[in-house]
Amino acid sequence: RSVADRELVGAGDADPVDVLVAEMARGGFEPTVRRRGAGIEIVLRTCPYESAALVDPVAVCDLHLGMAQGVAARVGGIAVDELVRHDPRRADCRLRCHVTADAAVLDRAVPT
C-alpha cells in the first residue's frame, strides 16, 4: 500500500498538526512539536534513513519534505514551508510549518 493510499493516523476531526506528527512518528522520526502562534516547528529527533542520507542528503531530505507536504495537503489546515536539514547522525532536522486559513475557518465554525 502506498503512502498516498493509506489512512492517515488520527485523521478526521483531529488537529492537523497532531496528524502530521503522528505520520512522522509512524515513519520513525520521533518528532516533537514547538508552537508559536500560527508557526509550528516539528523537530525530527531521529533520521530513520541515516545511512542513505549520508550518501545523498539532498535526495533523502527532499523525499521527507515531500512526504510531509503530502500529508499536510491531504489533512488540510497546515502547510509545510521548509525542512531545515542537519547532519543525519545527529538528526534534529526541523519541519517549519504554519496553520492555514482553512484551519482558522474550521476553528471559528459554529457547531450545528
PDB file of N, CA and C in Angstrom:
ATOM      1  N   ARG A   1       0.835  -1.189   0.000  1.00  0.00           N
ATOM      2  CA  ARG A   1       0.000   0.000   0.000  1.00  0.00           C
ATOM      3  C   ARG A   1       0.871   1.241   0.000  1.00  0.00           C
ATOM      4  N   SER A   2       0.600   2.157  -0.880  1.00  0.00           N
ATOM      5  CA  SER A   2       1.422   3.358  -0.971  1.00  0.00           C
ATOM      6  C   SER A   2       1.069   4.331   0.153  1.00  0.00           C
ATOM      7  N   VAL A   3       1.978   5.249   0.413  1.00  0.00           N
ATOM      8  CA  VAL A   3       1.746   6.276   1.436  1.00  0.00           C
ATOM      9  C   VAL A   3       0.494   7.074   1.087  1.00  0.00           C
ATOM     10  N   ALA A   4       0.309   7.372  -0.193  1.00  0.00           N
ATOM     11  CA  ALA A   4      -0.843   8.171  -0.611  1.00  0.00           C
ATOM     12  C   ALA A   4      -2.162   7.437  -0.398  1.00  0.00           C
ATOM     13  N   ASP A   5      -2.142   6.104  -0.455  1.00  0.00           N
ATOM     14  CA  ASP A   5      -3.370   5.320  -0.341  1.00  0.00           C
ATOM     15  C   ASP A   5      -3.753   4.954   1.084  1.00  0.00           C
ATOM     16  N   ARG A   6      -2.805   4.983   2.002  1.00  0.00           N
ATOM     17  CA  ARG A   6      -3.122   4.508   3.352  1.00  0.00           C
ATOM     18  C   ARG A   6      -3.850   5.574   4.163  1.00  0.00           C
ATOM     19  N   GLU A   7      -4.499   5.120   5.203  1.00  0.00           N
ATOM     20  CA  GLU A   7      -5.201   6.026   6.118  1.00  0.00           C
ATOM     21  C   GLU A   7      -4.183   6.847   6.893  1.00  0.00           C
ATOM     22  N   LEU A   8      -4.494   8.106   7.100  1.00  0.00           N
ATOM     23  CA  LEU A   8      -3.630   8.944   7.921  1.00  0.00           C
ATOM     24  C   LEU A   8      -3.933   8.663   9.384  1.00  0.00           C
ATOM     25  N   VAL A   9      -2.890   8.592  10.195  1.00  0.00           N
ATOM     26  CA  VAL A   9      -3.045   8.346  11.623  1.00  0.00           C
ATOM     27  C   VAL A   9      -3.805   9.499  12.248  1.00  0.00           C
ATOM     28  N   GLY A  10      -4.901   9.207  12.920  1.00  0.00           N
ATOM     29  CA  GLY A  10      -5.639  10.219  13.656  1.00  0.00           C
ATOM     30  C   GLY A  10      -6.370  11.224  12.793  1.00  0.00           C
ATOM     31  N   ALA A  11      -6.539  10.929  11.504  1.00  0.00           N
ATOM     32  CA  ALA A  11      -7.225  11.882  10.616  1.00  0.00           C
ATOM     33  C   ALA A  11      -8.695  11.990  11.008  1.00  0.00           C
ATOM     34  N   GLY A  12      -9.381  12.874  10.376  1.00  0.00           N
ATOM     35  CA  GLY A  12     -10.791  13.119  10.693  1.00  0.00           C
ATOM     36  C   GLY A  12     -10.908  14.488  11.306  1.00  0.00           C
ATOM     37  N   ASP A  13     -11.420  14.557  12.511  1.00  0.00           N
ATOM     38  CA  ASP A  13     -11.600  15.837  13.192  1.00  0.00           C
ATOM     39  C   ASP A  13     -10.387  16.239  14.026  1.00  0.00           C
ATOM     40  N   ALA A  14      -9.292  15.513  13.900  1.00  0.00           N
ATOM     41  CA  ALA A  14      -8.107  15.771  14.712  1.00  0.00           C
ATOM     42  C   ALA A  14      -7.399  17.054  14.283  1.00  0.00           C
ATOM     43  N   ASP A  15      -6.620  17.596  15.185  1.00  0.00           N
ATOM     44  CA  ASP A  15      -5.751  18.738  14.914  1.00  0.00           C
ATOM     45  C   ASP A  15      -4.785  18.328  13.796  1.00  0.00           C
ATOM     46  N   PRO A  16      -4.692  19.110  12.708  1.00  0.00           N
ATOM     47  CA  PRO A  16      -3.815  18.733  11.600  1.00  0.00           C
ATOM     48  C   PRO A  16      -2.349  18.605  12.006  1.00  0.00           C
ATOM     49  N   VAL A  17      -1.909  19.373  12.999  1.00  0.00           N
ATOM     50  CA  VAL A  17      -0.536  19.246  13.487  1.00  0.00           C
ATOM     51  C   VAL A  17      -0.341  17.866  14.101  1.00  0.00           C
ATOM     52  N   ASP A  18      -1.316  17.425  14.892  1.00  0.00           N
ATOM     53  CA  ASP A  18      -1.225  16.110  15.515  1.00  0.00           C
ATOM     54  C   ASP A  18      -1.179  15.001  14.471  1.00  0.00           C
ATOM     55  N   VAL A  19      -1.941  15.153  13.386  1.00  0.00           N
ATOM     56  CA  VAL A  19      -1.942  14.144  12.323  1.00  0.00           C
ATOM     57  C   VAL A  19      -0.570  14.096  11.648  1.00  0.00           C
ATOM     58  N   LEU A  20      -0.002  15.262  11.325  1.00  0.00           N
ATOM     59  CA  LEU A  20       1.316  15.296  10.697  1.00  0.00           C
ATOM     60  C   LEU A  20       2.369  14.699  11.622  1.00  0.00           C
ATOM     61  N   VAL A  21       2.314  15.045  12.884  1.00  0.00           N
ATOM     62  CA  VAL A  21       3.271  14.498  13.856  1.00  0.00           C
ATOM     63  C   VAL A  21       3.122  12.982  13.959  1.00  0.00           C
ATOM     64  N   ALA A  22       1.893  12.498  13.987  1.00  0.00           N
ATOM     65  CA  ALA A  22       1.654  11.053  14.071  1.00  0.00           C
ATOM     66  C   ALA A  22       2.214  10.334  12.846  1.00  0.00           C
ATOM     67  N   GLU A  23       2.051  10.929  11.666  1.00  0.00           N
ATOM     68  CA  GLU A  23       2.588  10.329  10.445  1.00  0.00           C
ATOM     69  C   GLU A  23       4.110  10.316  10.462  1.00  0.00           C
ATOM     70  N   MET A  24       4.737  11.374  10.948  1.00  0.00           N
ATOM     71  CA  MET A  24       6.187  11.396  11.029  1.00  0.00           C
ATOM     72  C   MET A  24       6.680  10.382  12.075  1.00  0.00           C
ATOM     73  N   ALA A  25       5.923  10.211  13.142  1.00  0.00           N
ATOM     74  CA  ALA A  25       6.271   9.189  14.140  1.00  0.00           C
ATOM     75  C   ALA A  25       6.154   7.798  13.528  1.00  0.00           C
ATOM     76  N   ARG A  26       5.112   7.594  12.742  1.00  0.00           N
ATOM     77  CA  ARG A  26       4.921   6.311  12.053  1.00  0.00           C
ATOM     78  C   ARG A  26       6.109   6.004  11.156  1.00  0.00           C
ATOM     79  N   GLY A  27       6.721   7.051  10.597  1.00  0.00           N
ATOM     80  CA  GLY A  27       7.882   6.883   9.731  1.00  0.00           C
ATOM     81  C   GLY A  27       9.189   6.696  10.475  1.00  0.00           C
ATOM     82  N   GLY A  28       9.158   6.786  11.813  1.00  0.00           N
ATOM     83  CA  GLY A  28      10.349   6.545  12.610  1.00  0.00           C
ATOM     84  C   GLY A  28      11.171   7.779  12.942  1.00  0.00           C
ATOM     85  N   PHE A  29      10.606   8.979  12.801  1.00  0.00           N
ATOM     86  CA  PHE A  29      11.357  10.211  13.008  1.00  0.00           C
ATOM     87  C   PHE A  29      11.375  10.705  14.459  1.00  0.00           C
ATOM     88  N   GLU A  30      10.577  10.148  15.340  1.00  0.00           N
ATOM     89  CA  GLU A  30      10.489  10.568  16.743  1.00  0.00           C
ATOM     90  C   GLU A  30      10.298  12.085  16.862  1.00  0.00           C
ATOM     91  N   PRO A  31       9.212  12.608  16.291  1.00  0.00           N
ATOM     92  CA  PRO A  31       9.014  14.063  16.261  1.00  0.00           C
ATOM     93  C   PRO A  31       8.543  14.649  17.583  1.00  0.00           C
ATOM     94  N   THR A  32       8.907  15.906  17.781  1.00  0.00           N
ATOM     95  CA  THR A  32       8.356  16.719  18.862  1.00  0.00           C
ATOM     96  C   THR A  32       7.885  18.028  18.232  1.00  0.00           C
ATOM     97  N   VAL A  33       7.000  18.741  18.923  1.00  0.00           N
ATOM     98  CA  VAL A  33       6.390  19.941  18.357  1.00  0.00           C
ATOM     99  C   VAL A  33       6.697  21.160  19.208  1.00  0.00           C
ATOM    100  N   ARG A  34       6.968  22.258  18.511  1.00  0.00           N
ATOM    101  CA  ARG A  34       7.091  23.573  19.149  1.00  0.00           C
ATOM    102  C   ARG A  34       6.130  24.487  18.411  1.00  0.00           C
ATOM    103  N   ARG A  35       5.223  25.111  19.151  1.00  0.00           N
ATOM    104  CA  ARG A  35       4.247  26.020  18.543  1.00  0.00           C
ATOM    105  C   ARG A  35       4.504  27.442  19.007  1.00  0.00           C
ATOM    106  N   ARG A  36       4.384  28.360  18.053  1.00  0.00           N
ATOM    107  CA  ARG A  36       4.473  29.795  18.342  1.00  0.00           C
ATOM    108  C   ARG A  36       3.428  30.489  17.494  1.00  0.00           C
ATOM    109  N   GLY A  37       2.251  30.711  18.061  1.00  0.00           N
ATOM    110  CA  GLY A  37       1.150  31.305  17.306  1.00  0.00           C
ATOM    111  C   GLY A  37       0.757  30.398  16.168  1.00  0.00           C
ATOM    112  N   ALA A  38       0.728  30.937  14.955  1.00  0.00           N
ATOM    113  CA  ALA A  38       0.404  30.129  13.780  1.00  0.00           C
ATOM    114  C   ALA A  38       1.616  29.341  13.292  1.00  0.00           C
ATOM    115  N   GLY A  39       2.811  29.666  13.810  1.00  0.00           N
ATOM    116  CA  GLY A  39       4.032  28.966  13.407  1.00  0.00           C
ATOM    117  C   GLY A  39       4.225  27.679  14.190  1.00  0.00           C
ATOM    118  N   ILE A  40       4.652  26.657  13.481  1.00  0.00           N
ATOM    119  CA  ILE A  40       4.859  25.349  14.086  1.00  0.00           C
ATOM    120  C   ILE A  40       6.202  24.818  13.616  1.00  0.00           C
ATOM    121  N   GLU A  41       6.969  24.282  14.535  1.00  0.00           N
ATOM    122  CA  GLU A  41       8.219  23.636  14.182  1.00  0.00           C
ATOM    123  C   GLU A  41       8.155  22.210  14.700  1.00  0.00           C
ATOM    124  N   ILE A  42       8.309  21.264  13.792  1.00  0.00           N
ATOM    125  CA  ILE A  42       8.311  19.854  14.160  1.00  0.00           C
ATOM    126  C   ILE A  42       9.758  19.390  14.080  1.00  0.00           C
ATOM    127  N   VAL A  43      10.310  19.014  15.233  1.00  0.00           N
ATOM    128  CA  VAL A  43      11.699  18.568  15.314  1.00  0.00           C
ATOM    129  C   VAL A  43      11.714  17.060  15.109  1.00  0.00           C
ATOM    130  N   LEU A  44      12.472  16.630  14.103  1.00  0.00           N
ATOM    131  CA  LEU A  44      12.608  15.203  13.796  1.00  0.00           C
ATOM    132  C   LEU A  44      13.862  14.714  14.506  1.00  0.00           C
ATOM    133  N   ARG A  45      13.665  14.076  15.658  1.00  0.00           N
ATOM    134  CA  ARG A  45      14.789  13.737  16.536  1.00  0.00           C
ATOM    135  C   ARG A  45      15.617  12.556  16.041  1.00  0.00           C
ATOM    136  N   THR A  46      15.089  11.793  15.090  1.00  0.00           N
ATOM    137  CA  THR A  46      15.793  10.638  14.558  1.00  0.00           C
ATOM    138  C   THR A  46      15.661  10.634  13.046  1.00  0.00           C
ATOM    139  N   CYS A  47      16.714  10.242  12.353  1.00  0.00           N
ATOM    140  CA  CYS A  47      16.633  10.033  10.910  1.00  0.00           C
ATOM    141  C   CYS A  47      16.621   8.522  10.661  1.00  0.00           C
ATOM    142  N   PRO A  48      15.469   7.981  10.267  1.00  0.00           N
ATOM    143  CA  PRO A  48      15.400   6.536  10.052  1.00  0.00           C
ATOM    144  C   PRO A  48      16.165   6.085   8.803  1.00  0.00           C
ATOM    145  N   TYR A  49      16.639   7.019   8.000  1.00  0.00           N
ATOM    146  CA  TYR A  49      17.391   6.697   6.783  1.00  0.00           C
ATOM    147  C   TYR A  49      18.783   7.309   6.836  1.00  0.00           C
ATOM    148  N   GLU A  50      19.390   7.249   8.007  1.00  0.00           N
ATOM    149  CA  GLU A  50      20.676   7.891   8.249  1.00  0.00           C
ATOM    150  C   GLU A  50      21.734   7.493   7.225  1.00  0.00           C
ATOM    151  N   SER A  51      21.906   6.207   6.956  1.00  0.00           N
ATOM    152  CA  SER A  51      22.972   5.783   6.041  1.00  0.00           C
ATOM    153  C   SER A  51      22.725   6.299   4.624  1.00  0.00           C
ATOM    154  N   ALA A  52      21.483   6.270   4.154  1.00  0.00           N
ATOM    155  CA  ALA A  52      21.165   6.796   2.820  1.00  0.00           C
ATOM    156  C   ALA A  52      21.346   8.314   2.791  1.00  0.00           C
ATOM    157  N   ALA A  53      20.978   8.984   3.873  1.00  0.00           N
ATOM    158  CA  ALA A  53      21.101  10.441   3.940  1.00  0.00           C
ATOM    159  C   ALA A  53      22.562  10.881   3.965  1.00  0.00           C
ATOM    160  N   LEU A  54      23.443  10.044   4.488  1.00  0.00           N
ATOM    161  CA  LEU A  54      24.869  10.373   4.467  1.00  0.00           C
ATOM    162  C   LEU A  54      25.414  10.329   3.044  1.00  0.00           C
ATOM    163  N   VAL A  55      24.885   9.429   2.222  1.00  0.00           N
ATOM    164  CA  VAL A  55      25.328   9.287   0.840  1.00  0.00           C
ATOM    165  C   VAL A  55      24.731  10.372  -0.051  1.00  0.00           C
ATOM    166  N   ASP A  56      23.420  10.637   0.097  1.00  0.00           N
ATOM    167  CA  ASP A  56      22.740  11.614  -0.756  1.00  0.00           C
ATOM    168  C   ASP A  56      21.723  12.397   0.080  1.00  0.00           C
ATOM    169  N   PRO A  57      22.209  13.336   0.904  1.00  0.00           N
ATOM    170  CA  PRO A  57      21.311  14.044   1.815  1.00  0.00           C
ATOM    171  C   PRO A  57      20.229  14.861   1.100  1.00  0.00           C
ATOM    172  N   VAL A  58      20.542  15.441  -0.035  1.00  0.00           N
ATOM    173  CA  VAL A  58      19.546  16.266  -0.728  1.00  0.00           C
ATOM    174  C   VAL A  58      18.361  15.408  -1.158  1.00  0.00           C
ATOM    175  N   ALA A  59      18.628  14.271  -1.768  1.00  0.00           N
ATOM    176  CA  ALA A  59      17.535  13.403  -2.240  1.00  0.00           C
ATOM    177  C   ALA A  59      16.702  12.877  -1.079  1.00  0.00           C
ATOM    178  N   VAL A  60      17.349  12.406  -0.022  1.00  0.00           N
ATOM    179  CA  VAL A  60      16.624  11.839   1.116  1.00  0.00           C
ATOM    180  C   VAL A  60      15.822  12.918   1.829  1.00  0.00           C
ATOM    181  N   CYS A  61      16.419  14.064   2.061  1.00  0.00           N
ATOM    182  CA  CYS A  61      15.710  15.138   2.755  1.00  0.00           C
ATOM    183  C   CYS A  61      14.570  15.693   1.904  1.00  0.00           C
ATOM    184  N   ASP A  62      14.788  15.815   0.595  1.00  0.00           N
ATOM    185  CA  ASP A  62      13.706  16.267  -0.284  1.00  0.00           C
ATOM    186  C   ASP A  62      12.553  15.276  -0.282  1.00  0.00           C
ATOM    187  N   LEU A  63      12.857  14.001  -0.214  1.00  0.00           N
ATOM    188  CA  LEU A  63      11.810  12.974  -0.131  1.00  0.00           C
ATOM    189  C   LEU A  63      11.006  13.140   1.157  1.00  0.00           C
ATOM    190  N   HIS A  64      11.683  13.354   2.267  1.00  0.00           N
ATOM    191  CA  HIS A  64      10.985  13.529   3.548  1.00  0.00           C
ATOM    192  C   HIS A  64      10.160  14.808   3.562  1.00  0.00           C
ATOM    193  N   LEU A  65      10.684  15.868   2.980  1.00  0.00           N
ATOM    194  CA  LEU A  65       9.924  17.106   2.870  1.00  0.00           C
ATOM    195  C   LEU A  65       8.671  16.875   2.031  1.00  0.00           C
ATOM    196  N   GLY A  66       8.814  16.189   0.922  1.00  0.00           N
ATOM    197  CA  GLY A  66       7.668  15.882   0.068  1.00  0.00           C
ATOM    198  C   GLY A  66       6.627  15.030   0.776  1.00  0.00           C
ATOM    199  N   MET A  67       7.087  14.073   1.573  1.00  0.00           N
ATOM    200  CA  MET A  67       6.152  13.252   2.347  1.00  0.00           C
ATOM    201  C   MET A  67       5.354  14.123   3.308  1.00  0.00           C
ATOM    202  N   ALA A  68       6.044  14.997   4.030  1.00  0.00           N
ATOM    203  CA  ALA A  68       5.376  15.873   4.998  1.00  0.00           C
ATOM    204  C   ALA A  68       4.404  16.815   4.287  1.00  0.00           C
ATOM    205  N   GLN A  69       4.811  17.365   3.155  1.00  0.00           N
ATOM    206  CA  GLN A  69       3.927  18.254   2.402  1.00  0.00           C
ATOM    207  C   GLN A  69       2.703  17.501   1.879  1.00  0.00           C
ATOM    208  N   GLY A  70       2.894  16.257   1.478  1.00  0.00           N
ATOM    209  CA  GLY A  70       1.769  15.447   1.015  1.00  0.00           C
ATOM    210  C   GLY A  70       0.769  15.171   2.118  1.00  0.00           C
ATOM    211  N   VAL A  71       1.257  14.841   3.300  1.00  0.00           N
ATOM    212  CA  VAL A  71       0.363  14.612   4.446  1.00  0.00           C
ATOM    213  C   VAL A  71      -0.386  15.908   4.762  1.00  0.00           C
ATOM    214  N   ALA A  72       0.329  17.021   4.784  1.00  0.00           N
ATOM    215  CA  ALA A  72      -0.300  18.310   5.086  1.00  0.00           C
ATOM    216  C   ALA A  72      -1.385  18.637   4.064  1.00  0.00           C
ATOM    217  N   ALA A  73      -1.125  18.374   2.812  1.00  0.00           N
ATOM    218  CA  ALA A  73      -2.111  18.651   1.768  1.00  0.00           C
ATOM    219  C   ALA A  73      -3.346  17.755   1.925  1.00  0.00           C
ATOM    220  N   ARG A  74      -3.146  16.511   2.307  1.00  0.00           N
ATOM    221  CA  ARG A  74      -4.268  15.587   2.470  1.00  0.00           C
ATOM    222  C   ARG A  74      -5.125  15.936   3.679  1.00  0.00           C
ATOM    223  N   VAL A  75      -4.489  16.355   4.773  1.00  0.00           N
ATOM    224  CA  VAL A  75      -5.242  16.612   6.001  1.00  0.00           C
ATOM    225  C   VAL A  75      -5.823  18.017   6.013  1.00  0.00           C
ATOM    226  N   GLY A  76      -5.137  18.981   5.380  1.00  0.00           N
ATOM    227  CA  GLY A  76      -5.590  20.368   5.372  1.00  0.00           C
ATOM    228  C   GLY A  76      -5.354  21.041   6.708  1.00  0.00           C
ATOM    229  N   GLY A  77      -5.375  22.366   6.695  1.00  0.00           N
ATOM    230  CA  GLY A  77      -5.225  23.120   7.927  1.00  0.00           C
ATOM    231  C   GLY A  77      -3.798  23.389   8.342  1.00  0.00           C
ATOM    232  N   ILE A  78      -2.838  22.831   7.608  1.00  0.00           N
ATOM    233  CA  ILE A  78      -1.423  23.035   7.907  1.00  0.00           C
ATOM    234  C   ILE A  78      -0.657  23.008   6.588  1.00  0.00           C
ATOM    235  N   ALA A  79       0.382  23.830   6.510  1.00  0.00           N
ATOM    236  CA  ALA A  79       1.268  23.832   5.344  1.00  0.00           C
ATOM    237  C   ALA A  79       2.697  23.666   5.836  1.00  0.00           C
ATOM    238  N   VAL A  80       3.469  22.870   5.123  1.00  0.00           N
ATOM    239  CA  VAL A  80       4.884  22.677   5.445  1.00  0.00           C
ATOM    240  C   VAL A  80       5.677  23.627   4.560  1.00  0.00           C
ATOM    241  N   ASP A  81       6.386  24.554   5.187  1.00  0.00           N
ATOM    242  CA  ASP A  81       7.121  25.586   4.464  1.00  0.00           C
ATOM    243  C   ASP A  81       8.519  25.153   4.052  1.00  0.00           C
ATOM    244  N   GLU A  82       9.207  24.467   4.945  1.00  0.00           N
ATOM    245  CA  GLU A  82      10.575  24.056   4.637  1.00  0.00           C
ATOM    246  C   GLU A  82      11.044  22.981   5.603  1.00  0.00           C
ATOM    247  N   LEU A  83      12.115  22.309   5.198  1.00  0.00           N
ATOM    248  CA  LEU A  83      12.811  21.363   6.056  1.00  0.00           C
ATOM    249  C   LEU A  83      14.207  21.923   6.279  1.00  0.00           C
ATOM    250  N   VAL A  84      14.538  22.199   7.524  1.00  0.00           N
ATOM    251  CA  VAL A  84      15.873  22.663   7.878  1.00  0.00           C
ATOM    252  C   VAL A  84      16.686  21.407   8.174  1.00  0.00           C
ATOM    253  N   ARG A  85      17.673  21.167   7.320  1.00  0.00           N
ATOM    254  CA  ARG A  85      18.455  19.924   7.400  1.00  0.00           C
ATOM    255  C   ARG A  85      19.583  20.034   8.415  1.00  0.00           C
ATOM    256  N   HIS A  86      19.871  18.885   9.015  1.00  0.00           N
ATOM    257  CA  HIS A  86      21.020  18.746   9.913  1.00  0.00           C
ATOM    258  C   HIS A  86      21.740  17.458   9.559  1.00  0.00           C
ATOM    259  N   ASP A  87      22.886  17.250  10.140  1.00  0.00           N
ATOM    260  CA  ASP A  87      23.624  16.006   9.940  1.00  0.00           C
ATOM    261  C   ASP A  87      22.730  14.838  10.359  1.00  0.00           C
ATOM    262  N   PRO A  88      22.502  13.849   9.483  1.00  0.00           N
ATOM    263  CA  PRO A  88      21.584  12.756   9.821  1.00  0.00           C
ATOM    264  C   PRO A  88      22.033  11.916  11.019  1.00  0.00           C
ATOM    265  N   ARG A  89      23.320  11.942  11.350  1.00  0.00           N
ATOM    266  CA  ARG A  89      23.792  11.194  12.527  1.00  0.00           C
ATOM    267  C   ARG A  89      23.337  11.849  13.816  1.00  0.00           C
ATOM    268  N   ARG A  90      23.099  13.151  13.761  1.00  0.00           N
ATOM    269  CA  ARG A  90      22.630  13.887  14.943  1.00  0.00           C
ATOM    270  C   ARG A  90      21.139  14.173  14.869  1.00  0.00           C
ATOM    271  N   ALA A  91      20.602  14.130  13.656  1.00  0.00           N
ATOM    272  CA  ALA A  91      19.175  14.374  13.388  1.00  0.00           C
ATOM    273  C   ALA A  91      18.783  15.778  13.852  1.00  0.00           C
ATOM    274  N   ASP A  92      17.613  15.894  14.478  1.00  0.00           N
ATOM    275  CA  ASP A  92      17.060  17.192  14.883  1.00  0.00           C
ATOM    276  C   ASP A  92      16.803  18.126  13.700  1.00  0.00           C
ATOM    277  N   CYS A  93      16.477  17.535  12.531  1.00  0.00           N
ATOM    278  CA  CYS A  93      16.021  18.349  11.406  1.00  0.00           C
ATOM    279  C   CYS A  93      14.686  18.962  11.814  1.00  0.00           C
ATOM    280  N   ARG A  94      14.326  20.056  11.175  1.00  0.00           N
ATOM    281  CA  ARG A  94      13.104  20.768  11.562  1.00  0.00           C
ATOM    282  C   ARG A  94      12.207  21.007  10.359  1.00  0.00           C
ATOM    283  N   LEU A  95      10.950  20.621  10.528  1.00  0.00           N
ATOM    284  CA  LEU A  95       9.920  20.972   9.563  1.00  0.00           C
ATOM    285  C   LEU A  95       9.302  22.267  10.049  1.00  0.00           C
ATOM    286  N   ARG A  96       9.423  23.313   9.278  1.00  0.00           N
ATOM    287  CA  ARG A  96       8.785  24.591   9.635  1.00  0.00           C
ATOM    288  C   ARG A  96       7.451  24.652   8.909  1.00  0.00           C
ATOM    289  N   CYS A  97       6.398  24.854   9.681  1.00  0.00           N
ATOM    290  CA  CYS A  97       5.032  24.794   9.175  1.00  0.00           C
ATOM    291  C   CYS A  97       4.242  25.992   9.674  1.00  0.00           C
ATOM    292  N   HIS A  98       3.046  26.141   9.122  1.00  0.00           N
ATOM    293  CA  HIS A  98       2.126  27.157   9.640  1.00  0.00           C
ATOM    294  C   HIS A  98       0.690  26.685   9.457  1.00  0.00           C
ATOM    295  N   VAL A  99      -0.152  27.191  10.332  1.00  0.00           N
ATOM    296  CA  VAL A  99      -1.582  26.919  10.252  1.00  0.00           C
ATOM    297  C   VAL A  99      -2.110  27.682   9.051  1.00  0.00           C
ATOM    298  N   THR A 100      -2.970  27.051   8.264  1.00  0.00           N
ATOM    299  CA  THR A 100      -3.511  27.697   7.071  1.00  0.00           C
ATOM    300  C   THR A 100      -4.909  28.232   7.338  1.00  0.00           C
ATOM    301  N   ALA A 101      -5.394  29.026   6.420  1.00  0.00           N
ATOM    302  CA  ALA A 101      -6.696  29.682   6.571  1.00  0.00           C
ATOM    303  C   ALA A 101      -7.826  28.684   6.766  1.00  0.00           C
ATOM    304  N   ASP A 102      -7.751  27.508   6.106  1.00  0.00           N
ATOM    305  CA  ASP A 102      -8.844  26.555   6.269  1.00  0.00           C
ATOM    306  C   ASP A 102      -8.932  26.054   7.703  1.00  0.00           C
ATOM    307  N   ALA A 103      -7.812  25.989   8.426  1.00  0.00           N
ATOM    308  CA  ALA A 103      -7.867  25.598   9.839  1.00  0.00           C
ATOM    309  C   ALA A 103      -8.483  26.712  10.664  1.00  0.00           C
ATOM    310  N   ALA A 104      -8.151  27.957  10.349  1.00  0.00           N
ATOM    311  CA  ALA A 104      -8.717  29.085  11.083  1.00  0.00           C
ATOM    312  C   ALA A 104     -10.228  29.148  10.877  1.00  0.00           C
ATOM    313  N   VAL A 105     -10.684  28.878   9.670  1.00  0.00           N
ATOM    314  CA  VAL A 105     -12.121  28.871   9.391  1.00  0.00           C
ATOM    315  C   VAL A 105     -12.797  27.758  10.177  1.00  0.00           C
ATOM    316  N   LEU A 106     -12.171  26.589  10.231  1.00  0.00           N
ATOM    317  CA  LEU A 106     -12.729  25.467  10.987  1.00  0.00           C
ATOM    318  C   LEU A 106     -12.828  25.805  12.476  1.00  0.00           C
ATOM    319  N   ASP A 107     -11.801  26.495  12.998  1.00  0.00           N
ATOM    320  CA  ASP A 107     -11.810  26.861  14.417  1.00  0.00           C
ATOM    321  C   ASP A 107     -12.948  27.809  14.764  1.00  0.00           C
ATOM    322  N   ARG A 108     -13.362  28.656  13.796  1.00  0.00           N
ATOM    323  CA  ARG A 108     -14.427  29.628  14.052  1.00  0.00           C
ATOM    324  C   ARG A 108     -15.822  29.076  13.721  1.00  0.00           C
ATOM    325  N   ALA A 109     -15.860  27.907  13.117  1.00  0.00           N
ATOM    326  CA  ALA A 109     -17.164  27.361  12.700  1.00  0.00           C
ATOM    327  C   ALA A 109     -18.029  27.094  13.937  1.00  0.00           C
ATOM    328  N   VAL A 110     -19.292  27.393  13.804  1.00  0.00           N
ATOM    329  CA  VAL A 110     -20.238  27.173  14.889  1.00  0.00           C
ATOM    330  C   VAL A 110     -20.847  25.791  14.720  1.00  0.00           C
ATOM    331  N   PRO A 111     -20.791  24.930  15.764  1.00  0.00           N
ATOM    332  CA  PRO A 111     -21.368  23.588  15.621  1.00  0.00           C
ATOM    333  C   PRO A 111     -22.878  23.691  15.429  1.00  0.00           C
ATOM    334  N   THR A 112     -23.407  22.754  14.631  1.00  0.00           N
ATOM    335  CA  THR A 112     -24.857  22.745  14.395  1.00  0.00           C
ATOM    336  C   THR A 112     -25.538  21.671  15.199  1.00  0.00           C
TER     337      THR A 112
END
